[in-house]
Amino acid sequence: MEKAHASQRDNAMPEVTFSTFILSLASSALYNLGEVPDPDTGQKQVSLPLARHTIDVLEMLRTKTEKGLDNQERSMLESLLYELRMKYVMHCGENGDQSAHNCGE
């Protein structure tokens, strides 16, 4: 029984805070940008429409919560959005292919 409890502690999810929530969304965007591999297969895949959607969700959260964030949360969210947008633009511009269709619009 004690082994089961130790296993549950090892697999415990982090405390849900605004920061962990936006980091989770950013991780999802990075996955869909092909920046991180699938943990099960080790394969990287790109889905620009899903990446764009997640970036848009983060922007919506920034807009809706801007007056309620502390300085650290605001800075983290702005930095994440900047980095994700730059990576998104880089992926859209690869091979000279900047069409709206291929960039998730």
Foldseek 3Di string as FASTA:
>chain_A
DVVVVVVCVVVDDDDDDLVVVLVVLLVVLCQQLQNFADPVPRGGHHDLLSSVVSLVVLVVCCVVCVVPDDPVSNVSSVVSSVVSVVSLVVSCCPPNRNDCVRNND
